[in-house]
Amino acid sequence: QVRLVESGGGSVQAGGSLRLSCVAHGYTFSAYSMGWFRQSPGTEREGVAAVDDDGSTSYADSVKDRFTISQDKSKNTLYLQMNDLRPEDSAMYYCAATDGGRWFPAWRFRSLSPSDVGHWGQGTQVTVSS
């Protein structure tokens, strides 16, 4: 059974940095896509960054050049390094992954509707104050 467990959220001031981690228990990094989504109250869940089996990455325009997605397959862990944080980055951040053997290009995975993503973590809160 796959279980995604996020950590690393918190409260920071604008301009600060955070690194989110997602440990993918029971997940096989083969023919896969993974990424980070975020959602704040009253808004739809938004794909922030994604990586696919080829190592290609995709970012939302709002976070490009500030956020970096990476993975350590030896630790079954996905990361999101967030720099130069802004108040508008405040949201619950969710780790997401496709079902085993189901693969999308990173750009496509980031735009999937939530119901089409295979697995979700429980989320970690990021709050950025001005």
Protein backbone atom coordinates (compact mmCIF):
# COMPACT_ATOMS: atom_id res chain seq x y z
CA GLN A 1 0.00 0.00 0.00
CA VAL A 2 1.36 3.39 -1.02
CA ARG A 3 1.55 6.12 1.58
CA LEU A 4 2.93 9.59 0.95
CA VAL A 5 4.10 11.46 4.03
CA GLU A 6 5.00 15.15 3.76
CA SER A 7 7.02 17.25 6.17
CA GLY A 8 8.88 20.53 6.24
CA GLY A 9 6.07 23.04 6.22
CA GLY A 10 5.98 25.95 8.62
CA SER A 11 5.75 29.69 9.02
CA VAL A 12 8.31 32.01 7.49
CA GLN A 13 8.62 35.65 6.59
CA ALA A 14 8.55 36.83 3.01
CA GLY A 15 11.88 36.18 1.32
CA GLY A 16 12.56 33.12 3.43
CA SER A 17 13.01 29.51 2.40
CA LEU A 18 11.55 26.12 3.23
CA ARG A 19 12.23 22.62 1.98
CA LEU A 20 9.36 20.18 1.82
CA SER A 21 9.96 16.45 1.86
CA CYS A 22 7.69 13.60 0.83
CA VAL A 23 8.57 10.04 1.74
CA ALA A 24 6.81 7.62 -0.59
CA HIS A 25 6.29 4.46 1.43
CA GLY A 26 5.58 1.41 -0.68
CA TYR A 27 6.02 3.31 -3.94
CA THR A 28 8.08 2.10 -6.88
CA PHE A 29 9.98 4.75 -8.78
CA SER A 30 9.40 3.15 -12.15
CA ALA A 31 7.17 4.49 -14.93
CA TYR A 32 5.90 7.22 -12.62
CA SER A 33 5.18 10.88 -12.22
CA MET A 34 5.28 12.79 -8.95
CA GLY A 35 4.78 16.34 -7.92
CA TRP A 36 3.59 18.99 -5.50
CA PHE A 37 0.19 20.64 -5.50
CA ARG A 38 -1.07 23.40 -3.26
CA GLN A 39 -4.43 24.69 -2.16
CA SER A 40 -5.49 27.66 -0.11
CA PRO A 41 -9.02 28.24 1.24
CA GLY A 42 -11.53 29.03 -1.49
CA THR A 43 -9.23 28.09 -4.35
CA GLU A 44 -8.75 25.05 -6.54
CA ARG A 45 -5.82 22.73 -6.03
CA GLU A 46 -2.93 23.92 -8.19
CA GLY A 47 -0.05 21.90 -9.59
CA VAL A 48 3.12 23.66 -8.46
CA ALA A 49 5.92 21.39 -9.65
CA ALA A 50 6.28 17.92 -11.10
CA VAL A 51 8.90 15.43 -12.19
CA ASP A 52 8.51 12.40 -14.42
CA ASP A 53 10.29 9.12 -15.03
CA ASP A 54 12.61 10.76 -17.57
CA GLY A 55 13.70 13.32 -15.00
CA SER A 56 11.93 16.14 -16.77
CA THR A 57 10.46 18.82 -14.54
CA SER A 58 7.66 21.33 -14.87
CA TYR A 59 6.77 24.37 -12.78
CA ALA A 60 3.88 26.73 -12.48
CA ASP A 61 4.81 30.17 -13.82
CA SER A 62 4.21 31.67 -10.38
CA VAL A 63 7.02 29.62 -8.82
CA LYS A 64 9.48 29.29 -11.68
CA ASP A 65 13.04 30.27 -10.70
CA ARG A 66 12.08 30.19 -7.01
CA PHE A 67 11.07 26.56 -6.41
CA THR A 68 13.05 23.44 -7.29
CA ILE A 69 11.69 19.90 -7.32
CA SER A 70 14.11 17.03 -6.81
CA GLN A 71 14.11 13.40 -5.79
CA ASP A 72 16.31 10.90 -4.04
CA LYS A 73 15.24 7.49 -5.27
CA SER A 74 17.53 5.75 -2.79
CA LYS A 75 15.43 7.30 -0.01
CA ASN A 76 12.09 7.11 -1.86
CA THR A 77 11.82 10.83 -1.21
CA LEU A 78 10.60 13.80 -3.22
CA TYR A 79 11.63 17.34 -2.27
CA LEU A 80 10.48 20.86 -2.98
CA GLN A 81 13.00 23.58 -2.24
CA MET A 82 11.15 26.88 -1.95
CA ASN A 83 13.14 30.11 -1.98
CA ASP A 84 12.12 33.76 -1.94
CA LEU A 85 8.75 32.84 -0.50
CA ARG A 86 5.87 35.28 -0.88
CA PRO A 87 2.63 35.65 1.07
CA GLU A 88 0.74 34.33 -1.97
CA ASP A 89 2.66 31.04 -1.62
CA SER A 90 0.79 30.37 1.64
CA ALA A 91 -1.23 27.18 1.22
CA MET A 92 -1.49 23.55 2.15
CA TYR A 93 1.06 21.69 0.05
CA TYR A 94 0.34 18.14 -1.05
CA CYS A 95 2.65 15.49 -2.43
CA ALA A 96 1.13 13.49 -5.28
CA ALA A 97 2.10 10.46 -7.32
CA THR A 98 0.66 8.36 -10.10
CA ASP A 99 -0.46 4.81 -9.66
CA GLY A 100 2.28 2.28 -10.33
CA GLY A 101 3.08 1.96 -14.02
CA ARG A 102 1.04 5.02 -14.93
CA TRP A 103 3.18 7.80 -16.34
CA PHE A 104 2.58 11.33 -17.55
CA PRO A 105 5.05 13.93 -18.78
CA ALA A 106 5.79 16.33 -15.94
CA TRP A 107 3.91 19.19 -17.58
CA ARG A 108 0.83 17.01 -17.96
CA PHE A 109 0.95 15.59 -14.45
CA ARG A 110 1.01 19.08 -12.99
CA SER A 111 -2.25 19.93 -14.75
CA LEU A 112 -4.12 16.74 -13.86
CA SER A 113 -7.40 17.10 -12.07
CA PRO A 114 -7.13 15.87 -8.47
CA SER A 115 -9.32 12.86 -9.21
CA ASP A 116 -6.87 11.65 -11.88
CA VAL A 117 -3.88 11.57 -9.55
CA GLY A 118 -3.27 8.17 -8.01
CA HIS A 119 -1.96 8.97 -4.55
CA TRP A 120 -2.04 11.96 -2.22
CA GLY A 121 -0.26 12.83 0.97
CA GLN A 122 -2.01 14.40 3.92
CA GLY A 123 -0.53 17.84 3.24
CA THR A 124 1.82 20.21 5.04
CA GLN A 125 0.96 23.84 5.75
CA VAL A 126 3.12 26.68 4.51
CA THR A 127 2.44 30.17 5.81
CA VAL A 128 4.37 33.19 4.58
CA SER A 129 3.97 36.51 6.38
CA SER A 130 4.75 39.89 4.89
